[in-house]
Structures are given as structure tokens and as C-alpha cells.
């Protein structure tokens, strides 16, 4: 029972940290002129302190300028939120995040 509870807690923390990362990236994002309604999938690798090691667009929006603006926002948002505990900071789910960047969710 406690293992199920711990797993549920960890999954909830994955979701919470992912949301915090997306919110921070959105704050640093500069909308390219004339670009609306686009999304892209972003993969971010972090070290144990939340410093960005790499950013990759894994599913393009179809607009290079939009994809570049999202990638730049991730780098500007460095360091990104990480869990408070050492055990979770070393967990691969916190070291590599893939998320859909959708500016409409953060307006």
C-alpha cells in the first residue's frame, strides 16, 4: 500500500514540476509577430539543479520562427524548477521533460 502511495506521490510531483516548468518557459517566451494558434513538443534535459543541458523540438509547429522562439524561452528560463528532495532530483523523470508548449494555456 505504501509503495502505491509513494508512486502516486511521485507521479503527482512529476505533473506539478512539469506544470511549473511550462509556466516559467511561458513567462520568458516572446511571441513572434503574426504567429498565433501554434504548439510544438519540446524535450528538455536538465541536471540535478535544474540547469538546462539541452533543448530539442521533437514535434515542430510547422513554423521555424515559432519553434526557435520556444527553444530560446527555455534557455532564458534556466534554471528550471526541480523537486525539493535529492532522491527525486536524480530521478530520470525530472531530468528529462517532454511537453507540449501551448501559449494559449498560459495567457
N, C-alpha and C. Protein backbone atom coordinates (compact mmCIF):
# COMPACT_ATOMS: atom_id res chain seq x y z
N UNK A 1 0.82 -1.20 0.00
CA UNK A 1 0.00 0.00 0.00
C UNK A 1 0.86 1.25 0.00
N UNK A 2 1.90 1.27 0.81
CA UNK A 2 2.75 2.46 0.87
C UNK A 2 3.52 2.67 -0.44
N UNK A 3 3.86 1.55 -1.14
CA UNK A 3 4.53 1.69 -2.44
C UNK A 3 3.62 2.36 -3.46
N UNK A 4 2.34 1.97 -3.45
CA UNK A 4 1.37 2.60 -4.35
C UNK A 4 1.23 4.08 -4.02
N UNK A 5 1.19 4.38 -2.73
CA UNK A 5 1.06 5.77 -2.29
C UNK A 5 2.28 6.57 -2.71
N UNK A 6 3.47 6.01 -2.51
CA UNK A 6 4.71 6.70 -2.89
C UNK A 6 4.75 6.92 -4.40
N UNK A 7 4.35 5.92 -5.17
CA UNK A 7 4.33 6.05 -6.63
C UNK A 7 3.35 7.14 -7.06
N UNK A 8 2.20 7.18 -6.42
CA UNK A 8 1.20 8.21 -6.73
C UNK A 8 1.74 9.59 -6.38
N UNK A 9 2.42 9.69 -5.24
CA UNK A 9 3.02 10.97 -4.84
C UNK A 9 4.07 11.42 -5.85
N UNK A 10 4.90 10.48 -6.28
CA UNK A 10 5.95 10.81 -7.24
C UNK A 10 5.33 11.25 -8.57
N UNK A 11 4.29 10.57 -9.01
CA UNK A 11 3.63 10.94 -10.27
C UNK A 11 3.01 12.32 -10.15
N UNK A 12 2.41 12.62 -9.01
CA UNK A 12 1.83 13.94 -8.78
C UNK A 12 2.93 15.01 -8.82
N UNK A 13 4.10 14.68 -8.29
CA UNK A 13 5.22 15.62 -8.30
C UNK A 13 5.73 15.83 -9.72
N UNK A 14 5.76 14.77 -10.52
CA UNK A 14 6.16 14.89 -11.94
C UNK A 14 5.23 15.88 -12.64
N UNK A 15 3.94 15.73 -12.43
CA UNK A 15 2.95 16.61 -13.06
C UNK A 15 3.13 18.04 -12.57
N UNK A 16 3.29 18.21 -11.27
CA UNK A 16 3.43 19.55 -10.68
C UNK A 16 4.67 20.27 -11.22
N UNK A 17 5.80 19.57 -11.23
CA UNK A 17 7.05 20.18 -11.71
C UNK A 17 6.93 20.49 -13.20
N UNK A 18 6.34 19.59 -13.96
CA UNK A 18 6.16 19.84 -15.40
C UNK A 18 5.33 21.09 -15.64
N UNK A 19 4.28 21.28 -14.86
CA UNK A 19 3.46 22.48 -14.99
C UNK A 19 4.26 23.73 -14.63
N UNK A 20 5.06 23.66 -13.57
CA UNK A 20 5.89 24.80 -13.18
C UNK A 20 6.90 25.15 -14.27
N UNK A 21 7.48 24.13 -14.89
CA UNK A 21 8.43 24.35 -15.98
C UNK A 21 7.73 25.05 -17.14
N UNK A 22 6.57 24.54 -17.53
CA UNK A 22 5.84 25.14 -18.65
C UNK A 22 5.47 26.59 -18.36
N UNK A 23 5.05 26.86 -17.13
CA UNK A 23 4.69 28.23 -16.76
C UNK A 23 5.90 29.16 -16.81
N UNK A 24 7.04 28.68 -16.33
CA UNK A 24 8.24 29.52 -16.33
C UNK A 24 8.69 29.78 -17.77
N UNK A 25 8.67 28.76 -18.61
CA UNK A 25 9.06 28.94 -20.01
C UNK A 25 8.11 29.95 -20.68
N UNK A 26 6.82 29.83 -20.40
CA UNK A 26 5.83 30.75 -21.00
C UNK A 26 6.10 32.19 -20.60
N UNK A 27 6.56 32.42 -19.36
CA UNK A 27 6.88 33.79 -18.91
C UNK A 27 8.03 34.40 -19.69
N UNK A 28 8.95 33.57 -20.17
CA UNK A 28 10.12 34.06 -20.91
C UNK A 28 9.91 34.06 -22.42
N UNK A 29 8.77 33.56 -22.87
CA UNK A 29 8.52 33.43 -24.29
C UNK A 29 8.12 34.76 -24.91
N UNK A 30 8.73 35.09 -26.03
CA UNK A 30 8.36 36.29 -26.78
C UNK A 30 7.65 35.84 -28.05
N UNK A 31 6.37 36.21 -28.18
CA UNK A 31 5.57 35.79 -29.33
C UNK A 31 6.12 36.42 -30.61
N UNK A 32 6.44 35.59 -31.61
CA UNK A 32 6.85 36.15 -32.89
C UNK A 32 5.68 36.92 -33.52
N UNK A 33 5.94 38.04 -34.17
CA UNK A 33 4.87 38.83 -34.77
C UNK A 33 4.05 37.99 -35.76
N UNK A 34 2.74 38.11 -35.65
CA UNK A 34 1.84 37.43 -36.58
C UNK A 34 1.66 35.94 -36.36
N UNK A 35 2.23 35.41 -35.30
CA UNK A 35 2.14 33.97 -35.04
C UNK A 35 1.10 33.73 -33.94
N UNK A 36 0.08 32.96 -34.26
CA UNK A 36 -0.93 32.59 -33.26
C UNK A 36 -1.39 31.16 -33.49
N UNK A 37 -1.87 30.55 -32.42
CA UNK A 37 -2.51 29.24 -32.52
C UNK A 37 -1.60 28.07 -32.79
N UNK A 38 -0.31 28.21 -32.55
CA UNK A 38 0.61 27.11 -32.80
C UNK A 38 1.04 26.44 -31.50
N UNK A 39 1.44 25.19 -31.61
CA UNK A 39 2.04 24.46 -30.49
C UNK A 39 3.20 23.64 -31.03
N UNK A 40 4.10 23.24 -30.14
CA UNK A 40 5.18 22.33 -30.52
C UNK A 40 5.53 21.47 -29.31
N UNK A 41 6.14 20.34 -29.58
CA UNK A 41 6.58 19.45 -28.50
C UNK A 41 8.07 19.71 -28.26
N UNK A 42 8.42 19.89 -26.98
CA UNK A 42 9.78 20.26 -26.59
C UNK A 42 10.33 19.21 -25.64
N UNK A 43 11.57 18.83 -25.85
CA UNK A 43 12.25 17.93 -24.92
C UNK A 43 13.39 18.72 -24.28
N UNK A 44 13.41 18.72 -22.94
CA UNK A 44 14.41 19.47 -22.19
C UNK A 44 15.14 18.50 -21.28
N UNK A 45 16.47 18.53 -21.35
CA UNK A 45 17.29 17.74 -20.42
C UNK A 45 17.88 18.68 -19.40
N UNK A 46 17.82 18.28 -18.12
CA UNK A 46 18.27 19.11 -17.01
C UNK A 46 19.30 18.36 -16.18
N UNK A 47 20.14 19.14 -15.48
CA UNK A 47 20.99 18.49 -14.49
C UNK A 47 20.24 18.48 -13.16
N UNK A 48 20.88 18.00 -12.11
CA UNK A 48 20.20 17.81 -10.82
C UNK A 48 19.80 19.13 -10.16
N UNK A 49 20.35 20.26 -10.65
CA UNK A 49 19.99 21.55 -10.06
C UNK A 49 18.92 22.28 -10.88
N UNK A 50 18.53 21.69 -12.01
CA UNK A 50 17.53 22.34 -12.86
C UNK A 50 18.13 23.13 -14.00
N UNK A 51 19.46 23.14 -14.11
CA UNK A 51 20.10 23.84 -15.22
C UNK A 51 19.83 23.10 -16.52
N UNK A 52 19.53 23.87 -17.55
CA UNK A 52 19.20 23.29 -18.86
C UNK A 52 20.48 22.79 -19.52
N UNK A 53 20.47 21.50 -19.90
CA UNK A 53 21.59 20.90 -20.60
C UNK A 53 21.36 20.89 -22.10
N UNK A 54 20.10 20.65 -22.51
CA UNK A 54 19.78 20.65 -23.93
C UNK A 54 18.29 20.90 -24.13
N UNK A 55 17.97 21.44 -25.29
CA UNK A 55 16.59 21.69 -25.69
C UNK A 55 16.44 21.20 -27.11
N UNK A 56 15.38 20.44 -27.36
CA UNK A 56 15.12 19.95 -28.71
C UNK A 56 13.63 20.04 -29.00
N UNK A 57 13.30 20.51 -30.18
CA UNK A 57 11.91 20.49 -30.64
C UNK A 57 11.71 19.12 -31.26
N UNK A 58 10.88 18.29 -30.65
CA UNK A 58 10.68 16.92 -31.14
C UNK A 58 9.47 16.81 -32.05
N UNK A 59 8.60 17.81 -32.02
CA UNK A 59 7.46 17.85 -32.94
C UNK A 59 7.24 19.32 -33.28
N UNK A 60 7.59 19.68 -34.49
CA UNK A 60 7.56 21.08 -34.92
C UNK A 60 6.14 21.61 -35.05
N UNK A 61 6.03 22.91 -34.88
CA UNK A 61 4.75 23.60 -35.11
C UNK A 61 4.51 23.78 -36.60
N UNK A 62 5.56 23.61 -37.39
CA UNK A 62 5.48 23.88 -38.82
C UNK A 62 5.98 25.28 -39.15
N UNK A 63 6.22 26.09 -38.12
CA UNK A 63 6.76 27.44 -38.29
C UNK A 63 8.09 27.53 -37.56
N UNK A 64 9.17 27.60 -38.33
CA UNK A 64 10.52 27.60 -37.75
C UNK A 64 10.69 28.73 -36.73
N UNK A 65 10.16 29.91 -37.02
CA UNK A 65 10.34 31.05 -36.12
C UNK A 65 9.66 30.80 -34.76
N UNK A 66 8.51 30.13 -34.78
CA UNK A 66 7.82 29.79 -33.53
C UNK A 66 8.66 28.79 -32.74
N UNK A 67 9.10 27.73 -33.41
CA UNK A 67 9.91 26.71 -32.74
C UNK A 67 11.16 27.34 -32.11
N UNK A 68 11.83 28.23 -32.87
CA UNK A 68 13.02 28.90 -32.35
C UNK A 68 12.70 29.76 -31.13
N UNK A 69 11.54 30.42 -31.15
CA UNK A 69 11.16 31.29 -30.03
C UNK A 69 10.92 30.48 -28.77
N UNK A 70 10.37 29.27 -28.91
CA UNK A 70 10.13 28.40 -27.76
C UNK A 70 11.47 27.89 -27.22
N UNK A 71 12.34 27.48 -28.12
CA UNK A 71 13.66 27.00 -27.70
C UNK A 71 14.41 28.10 -26.95
N UNK A 72 14.37 29.33 -27.46
CA UNK A 72 15.03 30.46 -26.80
C UNK A 72 14.43 30.71 -25.42
N UNK A 73 13.11 30.58 -25.29
CA UNK A 73 12.44 30.80 -24.00
C UNK A 73 12.90 29.78 -22.96
N UNK A 74 13.11 28.54 -23.36
CA UNK A 74 13.59 27.52 -22.42
C UNK A 74 14.97 27.91 -21.91
N UNK A 75 15.87 28.32 -22.81
CA UNK A 75 17.21 28.72 -22.38
C UNK A 75 17.16 29.93 -21.47
N UNK A 76 16.29 30.90 -21.77
CA UNK A 76 16.18 32.11 -20.93
C UNK A 76 15.62 31.79 -19.55
N UNK A 77 14.77 30.75 -19.46
CA UNK A 77 14.12 30.39 -18.20
C UNK A 77 15.05 29.60 -17.28
N UNK A 78 16.23 29.22 -17.76
CA UNK A 78 17.21 28.45 -16.99
C UNK A 78 17.61 29.20 -15.72
N UNK A 79 17.67 28.54 -14.55
CA UNK A 79 17.36 27.14 -14.26
C UNK A 79 15.85 26.93 -14.11
N UNK A 80 15.45 25.71 -14.39
CA UNK A 80 14.04 25.35 -14.31
C UNK A 80 13.71 24.70 -12.97
N UNK A 81 12.44 24.73 -12.58
CA UNK A 81 12.03 24.14 -11.29
C UNK A 81 12.38 22.66 -11.20
N UNK A 82 12.79 22.26 -10.01
CA UNK A 82 13.09 20.86 -9.71
C UNK A 82 12.45 20.52 -8.36
N UNK A 83 12.26 19.22 -8.08
CA UNK A 83 11.72 18.83 -6.78
C UNK A 83 12.69 19.21 -5.65
N UNK A 84 12.15 19.29 -4.46
CA UNK A 84 12.95 19.70 -3.30
C UNK A 84 13.89 18.59 -2.80
N UNK A 85 13.52 17.33 -3.00
CA UNK A 85 14.31 16.25 -2.41
C UNK A 85 15.36 15.71 -3.39
N UNK A 86 16.54 15.36 -2.85
CA UNK A 86 17.62 14.81 -3.67
C UNK A 86 17.19 13.56 -4.41
N UNK A 87 16.44 12.70 -3.75
CA UNK A 87 16.02 11.43 -4.36
C UNK A 87 15.22 11.69 -5.64
N UNK A 88 14.34 12.68 -5.60
CA UNK A 88 13.54 12.98 -6.79
C UNK A 88 14.34 13.74 -7.84
N UNK A 89 15.28 14.59 -7.42
CA UNK A 89 16.07 15.36 -8.39
C UNK A 89 16.92 14.45 -9.26
N UNK A 90 17.30 13.28 -8.75
CA UNK A 90 18.11 12.36 -9.55
C UNK A 90 17.26 11.40 -10.37
N UNK A 91 15.95 11.42 -10.16
CA UNK A 91 15.02 10.57 -10.91
C UNK A 91 14.97 11.04 -12.36
N UNK A 92 15.08 10.10 -13.30
CA UNK A 92 15.14 10.46 -14.72
C UNK A 92 13.89 11.22 -15.18
N UNK A 93 12.75 11.01 -14.51
CA UNK A 93 11.53 11.72 -14.92
C UNK A 93 11.64 13.23 -14.68
N UNK A 94 12.54 13.63 -13.80
CA UNK A 94 12.73 15.05 -13.53
C UNK A 94 13.90 15.62 -14.32
N UNK A 95 14.73 14.75 -14.85
CA UNK A 95 15.93 15.20 -15.56
C UNK A 95 15.66 15.38 -17.05
N UNK A 96 14.60 14.74 -17.54
CA UNK A 96 14.25 14.87 -18.95
C UNK A 96 12.75 15.08 -19.05
N UNK A 97 12.36 16.27 -19.50
CA UNK A 97 10.95 16.62 -19.62
C UNK A 97 10.59 16.78 -21.08
N UNK A 98 9.47 16.20 -21.46
CA UNK A 98 8.92 16.45 -22.78
C UNK A 98 7.52 17.00 -22.56
N UNK A 99 7.24 18.13 -23.18
CA UNK A 99 5.93 18.73 -23.00
C UNK A 99 5.52 19.46 -24.27
N UNK A 100 4.23 19.69 -24.37
CA UNK A 100 3.71 20.47 -25.50
C UNK A 100 3.64 21.92 -25.05
N UNK A 101 4.34 22.77 -25.77
CA UNK A 101 4.29 24.20 -25.48
C UNK A 101 3.08 24.77 -26.22
N UNK A 102 2.12 25.23 -25.45
CA UNK A 102 0.90 25.79 -26.00
C UNK A 102 0.64 27.13 -25.32
N UNK A 103 1.03 28.23 -25.98
CA UNK A 103 0.90 29.54 -25.34
C UNK A 103 -0.53 29.87 -24.92
N UNK A 104 -1.52 29.33 -25.59
CA UNK A 104 -2.92 29.63 -25.24
C UNK A 104 -3.25 29.18 -23.82
N UNK A 105 -2.56 28.19 -23.31
CA UNK A 105 -2.80 27.69 -21.95
C UNK A 105 -2.27 28.64 -20.89
N UNK A 106 -1.40 29.56 -21.29
CA UNK A 106 -0.73 30.41 -20.30
C UNK A 106 -1.05 31.89 -20.46
N UNK A 107 -2.09 32.21 -21.20
CA UNK A 107 -2.44 33.63 -21.40
C UNK A 107 -3.24 34.16 -20.23
